[in-house]
């Protein structure tokens, strides 16, 4: 093997080992690649959010709980500088209460509620149809799948589930604030 081939081989081994190490450090609940809402860019959640406290929510734009966007945005603004984020995932699973296109959903969230927290592609959250992300979250929550829109899962900085809250628990509830503050 000549020096050039040996150098390429060594570089390939180093890159492979680095990738394996990065994958080993990825919390399983964040080990998902998801496309941003109304965009082409895909994020690997553990690369972007590992080490942060993360709230994952299935959202809907035409639901009685839709005003919770205000509370989610307030949480995001209040705690983001401390390492907290909210991730929104629109879903048609409960009452088909989302707009027809992701662009319409993105515009609605931004223009009506001033949503700045990251929003990702429309997905399934309902038991029996849930995406791998929501299936993993529900399994970590002892089978607590969303039963409607605006179910909230909270992960600590290690990517472990520390809270699961149904639609009737608003994002600005004291219970949720306690879980976030303890995780921060």
C-alpha atoms as a PDB file:
ATOM      1  CA  UNK A   1       0.000   0.000   0.000  1.00  0.00           C
ATOM      2  CA  UNK A   2       1.510   3.316  -0.966  1.00  0.00           C
ATOM      3  CA  UNK A   3       1.665   6.313   1.348  1.00  0.00           C
ATOM      4  CA  UNK A   4      -1.263   8.109  -0.310  1.00  0.00           C
ATOM      5  CA  UNK A   5      -3.570   5.079   0.029  1.00  0.00           C
ATOM      6  CA  UNK A   6      -2.435   4.556   3.616  1.00  0.00           C
ATOM      7  CA  UNK A   7      -3.173   8.195   4.462  1.00  0.00           C
ATOM      8  CA  UNK A   8      -6.647   7.950   2.923  1.00  0.00           C
ATOM      9  CA  UNK A   9      -7.301   4.701   4.787  1.00  0.00           C
ATOM     10  CA  UNK A  10      -6.208   6.216   8.110  1.00  0.00           C
ATOM     11  CA  UNK A  11      -8.353   9.296   7.517  1.00  0.00           C
ATOM     12  CA  UNK A  12     -11.349   7.085   6.735  1.00  0.00           C
ATOM     13  CA  UNK A  13     -10.828   5.130   9.971  1.00  0.00           C
ATOM     14  CA  UNK A  14     -10.579   8.343  12.016  1.00  0.00           C
ATOM     15  CA  UNK A  15     -13.764   9.749  10.445  1.00  0.00           C
ATOM     16  CA  UNK A  16     -15.597   6.462  11.037  1.00  0.00           C
ATOM     17  CA  UNK A  17     -14.485   6.358  14.673  1.00  0.00           C
ATOM     18  CA  UNK A  18     -15.533   9.977  15.198  1.00  0.00           C
ATOM     19  CA  UNK A  19     -18.953   9.249  13.691  1.00  0.00           C
ATOM     20  CA  UNK A  20     -19.377   6.166  15.885  1.00  0.00           C
ATOM     21  CA  UNK A  21     -18.414   8.155  18.983  1.00  0.00           C
ATOM     22  CA  UNK A  22     -20.867  10.931  18.077  1.00  0.00           C
ATOM     23  CA  UNK A  23     -23.627   8.355  17.534  1.00  0.00           C
ATOM     24  CA  UNK A  24     -22.786   6.675  20.853  1.00  0.00           C
ATOM     25  CA  UNK A  25     -23.189  10.022  22.635  1.00  0.00           C
ATOM     26  CA  UNK A  26     -26.576  10.654  21.043  1.00  0.00           C
ATOM     27  CA  UNK A  27     -29.506  10.165  23.403  1.00  0.00           C
ATOM     28  CA  UNK A  28     -31.905   7.688  21.818  1.00  0.00           C
ATOM     29  CA  UNK A  29     -34.919   9.991  22.201  1.00  0.00           C
ATOM     30  CA  UNK A  30     -33.074  12.633  20.168  1.00  0.00           C
ATOM     31  CA  UNK A  31     -31.559  10.210  17.662  1.00  0.00           C
ATOM     32  CA  UNK A  32     -33.822  11.292  14.801  1.00  0.00           C
ATOM     33  CA  UNK A  33     -33.348  13.303  11.647  1.00  0.00           C
ATOM     34  CA  UNK A  34     -36.301  15.563  10.897  1.00  0.00           C
ATOM     35  CA  UNK A  35     -37.015  18.114   8.211  1.00  0.00           C
ATOM     36  CA  UNK A  36     -37.690  21.702   9.176  1.00  0.00           C
ATOM     37  CA  UNK A  37     -41.244  22.936   8.604  1.00  0.00           C
ATOM     38  CA  UNK A  38     -41.822  24.115   5.037  1.00  0.00           C
ATOM     39  CA  UNK A  39     -38.139  23.694   4.241  1.00  0.00           C
ATOM     40  CA  UNK A  40     -35.619  21.354   2.706  1.00  0.00           C
ATOM     41  CA  UNK A  41     -33.117  21.324   5.564  1.00  0.00           C
ATOM     42  CA  UNK A  42     -33.016  18.258   7.792  1.00  0.00           C
ATOM     43  CA  UNK A  43     -31.709  18.428  11.354  1.00  0.00           C
ATOM     44  CA  UNK A  44     -30.356  15.525  13.358  1.00  0.00           C
ATOM     45  CA  UNK A  45     -31.938  16.403  16.691  1.00  0.00           C
ATOM     46  CA  UNK A  46     -29.093  15.161  18.871  1.00  0.00           C
ATOM     47  CA  UNK A  47     -26.554  17.218  16.934  1.00  0.00           C
ATOM     48  CA  UNK A  48     -28.608  20.377  17.324  1.00  0.00           C
ATOM     49  CA  UNK A  49     -30.183  19.930  20.775  1.00  0.00           C
ATOM     50  CA  UNK A  50     -28.011  17.481  22.761  1.00  0.00           C
ATOM     51  CA  UNK A  51     -27.177  19.058  26.114  1.00  0.00           C
ATOM     52  CA  UNK A  52     -30.289  21.232  26.166  1.00  0.00           C
ATOM     53  CA  UNK A  53     -33.578  20.817  27.971  1.00  0.00           C
ATOM     54  CA  UNK A  54     -36.073  20.109  25.191  1.00  0.00           C
ATOM     55  CA  UNK A  55     -39.858  20.263  25.075  1.00  0.00           C
ATOM     56  CA  UNK A  56     -41.379  18.382  22.134  1.00  0.00           C
ATOM     57  CA  UNK A  57     -44.998  19.212  21.275  1.00  0.00           C
ATOM     58  CA  UNK A  58     -47.449  17.953  18.657  1.00  0.00           C
ATOM     59  CA  UNK A  59     -49.224  21.087  17.462  1.00  0.00           C
ATOM     60  CA  UNK A  60     -52.248  22.045  15.362  1.00  0.00           C
ATOM     61  CA  UNK A  61     -53.215  25.436  13.976  1.00  0.00           C
ATOM     62  CA  UNK A  62     -57.021  25.072  14.077  1.00  0.00           C
ATOM     63  CA  UNK A  63     -57.551  23.497  17.494  1.00  0.00           C
ATOM     64  CA  UNK A  64     -59.146  24.728  20.693  1.00  0.00           C
ATOM     65  CA  UNK A  65     -55.683  24.387  22.262  1.00  0.00           C
ATOM     66  CA  UNK A  66     -53.969  26.450  19.531  1.00  0.00           C
ATOM     67  CA  UNK A  67     -53.653  29.497  21.851  1.00  0.00           C
ATOM     68  CA  UNK A  68     -51.056  27.410  23.720  1.00  0.00           C
ATOM     69  CA  UNK A  69     -48.624  28.652  21.067  1.00  0.00           C
ATOM     70  CA  UNK A  70     -48.476  31.863  23.140  1.00  0.00           C
ATOM     71  CA  UNK A  71     -47.400  29.928  26.238  1.00  0.00           C
ATOM     72  CA  UNK A  72     -44.918  27.789  24.312  1.00  0.00           C
ATOM     73  CA  UNK A  73     -43.311  30.889  22.845  1.00  0.00           C
ATOM     74  CA  UNK A  74     -43.223  32.518  26.298  1.00  0.00           C
ATOM     75  CA  UNK A  75     -41.438  29.442  27.724  1.00  0.00           C
ATOM     76  CA  UNK A  76     -38.978  29.480  24.853  1.00  0.00           C
ATOM     77  CA  UNK A  77     -38.160  33.170  25.323  1.00  0.00           C
ATOM     78  CA  UNK A  78     -37.979  32.865  29.110  1.00  0.00           C
ATOM     79  CA  UNK A  79     -35.623  29.882  29.294  1.00  0.00           C
ATOM     80  CA  UNK A  80     -33.749  29.680  25.976  1.00  0.00           C
ATOM     81  CA  UNK A  81     -30.691  31.548  27.256  1.00  0.00           C
ATOM     82  CA  UNK A  82     -30.413  28.888  29.979  1.00  0.00           C
ATOM     83  CA  UNK A  83     -30.316  26.032  27.456  1.00  0.00           C
ATOM     84  CA  UNK A  84     -33.998  25.303  26.843  1.00  0.00           C
ATOM     85  CA  UNK A  85     -35.856  24.907  23.579  1.00  0.00           C
ATOM     86  CA  UNK A  86     -39.317  24.006  22.328  1.00  0.00           C
ATOM     87  CA  UNK A  87     -39.696  21.862  19.207  1.00  0.00           C
ATOM     88  CA  UNK A  88     -43.074  21.972  17.488  1.00  0.00           C
ATOM     89  CA  UNK A  89     -44.345  19.180  15.251  1.00  0.00           C
ATOM     90  CA  UNK A  90     -47.622  19.915  13.465  1.00  0.00           C
ATOM     91  CA  UNK A  91     -49.922  16.910  13.175  1.00  0.00           C
ATOM     92  CA  UNK A  92     -53.152  16.097  11.355  1.00  0.00           C
ATOM     93  CA  UNK A  93     -53.859  13.136  13.658  1.00  0.00           C
ATOM     94  CA  UNK A  94     -56.515  14.712  15.832  1.00  0.00           C
ATOM     95  CA  UNK A  95     -59.400  16.266  13.969  1.00  0.00           C
ATOM     96  CA  UNK A  96     -57.379  17.150  10.847  1.00  0.00           C
ATOM     97  CA  UNK A  97     -56.754  20.576  12.403  1.00  0.00           C
ATOM     98  CA  UNK A  98     -53.730  21.683  10.435  1.00  0.00           C
ATOM     99  CA  UNK A  99     -53.468  23.740   7.260  1.00  0.00           C
ATOM    100  CA  UNK A 100     -53.161  22.027   3.889  1.00  0.00           C
ATOM    101  CA  UNK A 101     -49.543  23.020   3.319  1.00  0.00           C
ATOM    102  CA  UNK A 102     -46.574  23.387   5.600  1.00  0.00           C
ATOM    103  CA  UNK A 103     -45.988  26.905   4.243  1.00  0.00           C
ATOM    104  CA  UNK A 104     -49.479  27.900   5.433  1.00  0.00           C
ATOM    105  CA  UNK A 105     -48.802  26.336   8.826  1.00  0.00           C
ATOM    106  CA  UNK A 106     -45.452  28.120   9.160  1.00  0.00           C
ATOM    107  CA  UNK A 107     -46.993  31.469   8.184  1.00  0.00           C
ATOM    108  CA  UNK A 108     -49.891  31.010  10.606  1.00  0.00           C
ATOM    109  CA  UNK A 109     -47.606  30.168  13.535  1.00  0.00           C
ATOM    110  CA  UNK A 110     -45.216  33.030  12.847  1.00  0.00           C
ATOM    111  CA  UNK A 111     -47.778  35.708  11.950  1.00  0.00           C
ATOM    112  CA  UNK A 112     -50.542  34.847  14.434  1.00  0.00           C
ATOM    113  CA  UNK A 113     -48.510  33.761  17.468  1.00  0.00           C
ATOM    114  CA  UNK A 114     -45.027  35.125  16.767  1.00  0.00           C
ATOM    115  CA  UNK A 115     -43.548  31.610  16.960  1.00  0.00           C
ATOM    116  CA  UNK A 116     -39.754  31.738  16.906  1.00  0.00           C
ATOM    117  CA  UNK A 117     -39.038  28.309  18.392  1.00  0.00           C
ATOM    118  CA  UNK A 118     -38.094  25.600  15.882  1.00  0.00           C
ATOM    119  CA  UNK A 119     -40.946  23.941  14.015  1.00  0.00           C
ATOM    120  CA  UNK A 120     -40.511  20.720  12.096  1.00  0.00           C
ATOM    121  CA  UNK A 121     -42.340  18.856   9.357  1.00  0.00           C
ATOM    122  CA  UNK A 122     -45.878  17.625   9.851  1.00  0.00           C
ATOM    123  CA  UNK A 123     -45.737  14.237  11.542  1.00  0.00           C
ATOM    124  CA  UNK A 124     -47.863  11.569  13.182  1.00  0.00           C
ATOM    125  CA  UNK A 125     -48.093  11.466  16.974  1.00  0.00           C
ATOM    126  CA  UNK A 126     -51.128   9.224  17.512  1.00  0.00           C
ATOM    127  CA  UNK A 127     -50.746   5.665  18.790  1.00  0.00           C
ATOM    128  CA  UNK A 128     -50.687   3.212  15.917  1.00  0.00           C
ATOM    129  CA  UNK A 129     -49.493   5.859  13.464  1.00  0.00           C
ATOM    130  CA  UNK A 130     -46.784   7.610  15.479  1.00  0.00           C
ATOM    131  CA  UNK A 131     -43.490   8.518  13.860  1.00  0.00           C
ATOM    132  CA  UNK A 132     -40.400   6.896  15.394  1.00  0.00           C
ATOM    133  CA  UNK A 133     -39.788  10.109  17.388  1.00  0.00           C
ATOM    134  CA  UNK A 134     -43.242  10.156  18.989  1.00  0.00           C
ATOM    135  CA  UNK A 135     -43.300   6.372  19.413  1.00  0.00           C
ATOM    136  CA  UNK A 136     -40.019   6.595  21.357  1.00  0.00           C
ATOM    137  CA  UNK A 137     -41.294   9.456  23.499  1.00  0.00           C
ATOM    138  CA  UNK A 138     -44.530   7.619  24.310  1.00  0.00           C
ATOM    139  CA  UNK A 139     -42.681   4.408  25.136  1.00  0.00           C
ATOM    140  CA  UNK A 140     -40.357   6.337  27.462  1.00  0.00           C
ATOM    141  CA  UNK A 141     -43.508   7.773  29.085  1.00  0.00           C
ATOM    142  CA  UNK A 142     -44.888   4.283  29.810  1.00  0.00           C
ATOM    143  CA  UNK A 143     -47.213   4.313  26.797  1.00  0.00           C
ATOM    144  CA  UNK A 144     -48.428   7.890  27.261  1.00  0.00           C
ATOM    145  CA  UNK A 145     -49.169   8.716  23.609  1.00  0.00           C
ATOM    146  CA  UNK A 146     -50.782  12.032  22.759  1.00  0.00           C
ATOM    147  CA  UNK A 147     -54.567  11.736  22.907  1.00  0.00           C
ATOM    148  CA  UNK A 148     -54.994  15.137  21.258  1.00  0.00           C
ATOM    149  CA  UNK A 149     -52.987  18.110  20.013  1.00  0.00           C
ATOM    150  CA  UNK A 150     -50.495  19.946  22.244  1.00  0.00           C
ATOM    151  CA  UNK A 151     -49.159  17.005  24.232  1.00  0.00           C
ATOM    152  CA  UNK A 152     -45.827  18.048  25.760  1.00  0.00           C
ATOM    153  CA  UNK A 153     -42.792  15.857  26.415  1.00  0.00           C
ATOM    154  CA  UNK A 154     -39.804  17.294  28.303  1.00  0.00           C
ATOM    155  CA  UNK A 155     -36.287  15.872  28.028  1.00  0.00           C
ATOM    156  CA  UNK A 156     -33.439  16.779  30.363  1.00  0.00           C
ATOM    157  CA  UNK A 157     -29.925  17.744  29.235  1.00  0.00           C
ATOM    158  CA  UNK A 158     -29.018  14.040  28.935  1.00  0.00           C
ATOM    159  CA  UNK A 159     -31.945  13.437  26.585  1.00  0.00           C
ATOM    160  CA  UNK A 160     -33.940  11.498  29.176  1.00  0.00           C
ATOM    161  CA  UNK A 161     -37.687  11.981  29.510  1.00  0.00           C
ATOM    162  CA  UNK A 162     -38.537  13.911  32.685  1.00  0.00           C
ATOM    163  CA  UNK A 163     -42.124  14.934  31.944  1.00  0.00           C
ATOM    164  CA  UNK A 164     -45.158  14.108  29.834  1.00  0.00           C
ATOM    165  CA  UNK A 165     -48.147  16.458  29.920  1.00  0.00           C
ATOM    166  CA  UNK A 166     -51.449  16.224  28.079  1.00  0.00           C
ATOM    167  CA  UNK A 167     -53.266  18.974  26.246  1.00  0.00           C
ATOM    168  CA  UNK A 168     -55.110  20.265  29.302  1.00  0.00           C
ATOM    169  CA  UNK A 169     -51.862  21.132  31.079  1.00  0.00           C
ATOM    170  CA  UNK A 170     -50.951  24.513  29.642  1.00  0.00           C
ATOM    171  CA  UNK A 171     -47.340  25.307  28.826  1.00  0.00           C
ATOM    172  CA  UNK A 172     -47.195  28.032  31.473  1.00  0.00           C
ATOM    173  CA  UNK A 173     -48.501  25.794  34.246  1.00  0.00           C
ATOM    174  CA  UNK A 174     -46.486  25.689  37.452  1.00  0.00           C
ATOM    175  CA  UNK A 175     -46.063  21.896  37.045  1.00  0.00           C
ATOM    176  CA  UNK A 176     -44.307  22.340  33.708  1.00  0.00           C
ATOM    177  CA  UNK A 177     -42.213  25.262  34.955  1.00  0.00           C
ATOM    178  CA  UNK A 178     -40.993  23.115  37.884  1.00  0.00           C
ATOM    179  CA  UNK A 179     -39.918  20.288  35.568  1.00  0.00           C
ATOM    180  CA  UNK A 180     -38.088  22.681  33.244  1.00  0.00           C
ATOM    181  CA  UNK A 181     -36.377  24.554  36.085  1.00  0.00           C
ATOM    182  CA  UNK A 182     -35.293  21.285  37.759  1.00  0.00           C
ATOM    183  CA  UNK A 183     -33.853  20.066  34.437  1.00  0.00           C
ATOM    184  CA  UNK A 184     -31.989  23.318  33.803  1.00  0.00           C
END
